[in-house]
Structure formats: structure tokens, C-alpha cells
């Protein structure tokens, strides 16, 4: 099991903001609302730390 560790609330906040922006672009390409956005966010945030999913 891989773990993603953030060192501060500010770091988590920035990661969420980055994921939200990227997800907005993803939904534009998808052409509709992504009901599974939590799965997408989790994968994006893990990859952003250098971990694979």
C-alpha cells in the first residue's frame, strides 16, 4: 500500500486547488460532469507527489 503524506494543511489545500483546476479541464474534455471525481482527485493527487496508482 502506498501512502501520500502532506506536511501541512496549506500543502493539502494547494494540492486540492491544483486537482480542482486539472479536473475542470478533464471534465471539459470529457464533455460532462464526472460523478467519480473523488477517485480522479485521489489518483491525481497521488501522481502529483510522484507516486503511481
Protein backbone atom coordinates (compact mmCIF):
# COMPACT_ATOMS: atom_id res chain seq x y z
CA UNK A 1 0.00 0.00 0.00
CA UNK A 2 1.32 3.43 -0.95
CA UNK A 3 0.85 6.43 1.30
CA UNK A 4 0.69 10.08 0.34
CA UNK A 5 1.81 12.41 3.11
CA UNK A 6 1.29 16.15 3.17
CA UNK A 7 3.27 18.15 5.69
CA UNK A 8 0.75 20.92 6.33
CA UNK A 9 -2.84 21.97 5.84
CA UNK A 10 -1.61 24.58 3.36
CA UNK A 11 0.03 21.83 1.30
CA UNK A 12 -3.22 19.83 1.25
CA UNK A 13 -5.14 22.96 0.29
CA UNK A 14 -2.81 23.66 -2.62
CA UNK A 15 -2.99 20.03 -3.76
CA UNK A 16 -6.80 20.23 -3.74
CA UNK A 17 -6.75 23.52 -5.68
CA UNK A 18 -4.39 22.03 -8.26
CA UNK A 19 -6.55 18.92 -8.57
CA UNK A 20 -9.70 21.02 -8.93
CA UNK A 21 -8.19 23.05 -11.75
CA UNK A 22 -6.94 19.94 -13.56
CA UNK A 23 -10.26 18.18 -13.03
CA UNK A 24 -12.12 21.12 -14.54
CA UNK A 25 -10.04 20.70 -17.69
CA UNK A 26 -10.66 16.94 -17.61
CA UNK A 27 -14.44 17.48 -17.41
CA UNK A 28 -14.28 19.88 -20.37
CA UNK A 29 -12.58 17.16 -22.41
CA UNK A 30 -15.00 14.54 -21.05
CA UNK A 31 -17.97 16.70 -22.01
CA UNK A 32 -19.98 16.05 -18.85
CA UNK A 33 -19.89 16.01 -15.06
CA UNK A 34 -17.65 13.30 -13.61
CA UNK A 35 -19.61 11.62 -10.82
CA UNK A 36 -16.48 9.69 -9.81
CA UNK A 37 -14.49 12.85 -9.16
CA UNK A 38 -13.19 11.63 -5.75
CA UNK A 39 -11.46 8.70 -7.48
CA UNK A 40 -9.99 11.05 -10.09
CA UNK A 41 -8.82 13.54 -7.43
CA UNK A 42 -7.17 10.81 -5.35
CA UNK A 43 -5.26 9.45 -8.33
CA UNK A 44 -4.24 12.91 -9.49
CA UNK A 45 -3.03 13.94 -6.05
CA UNK A 46 -1.06 10.71 -5.59
CA UNK A 47 0.57 11.07 -9.03
CA UNK A 48 1.40 14.72 -8.27
CA UNK A 49 3.52 13.55 -5.32
CA UNK A 50 5.42 11.18 -7.60
CA UNK A 51 3.57 8.01 -6.61
CA UNK A 52 1.92 5.77 -9.16
CA UNK A 53 -1.62 4.50 -8.68
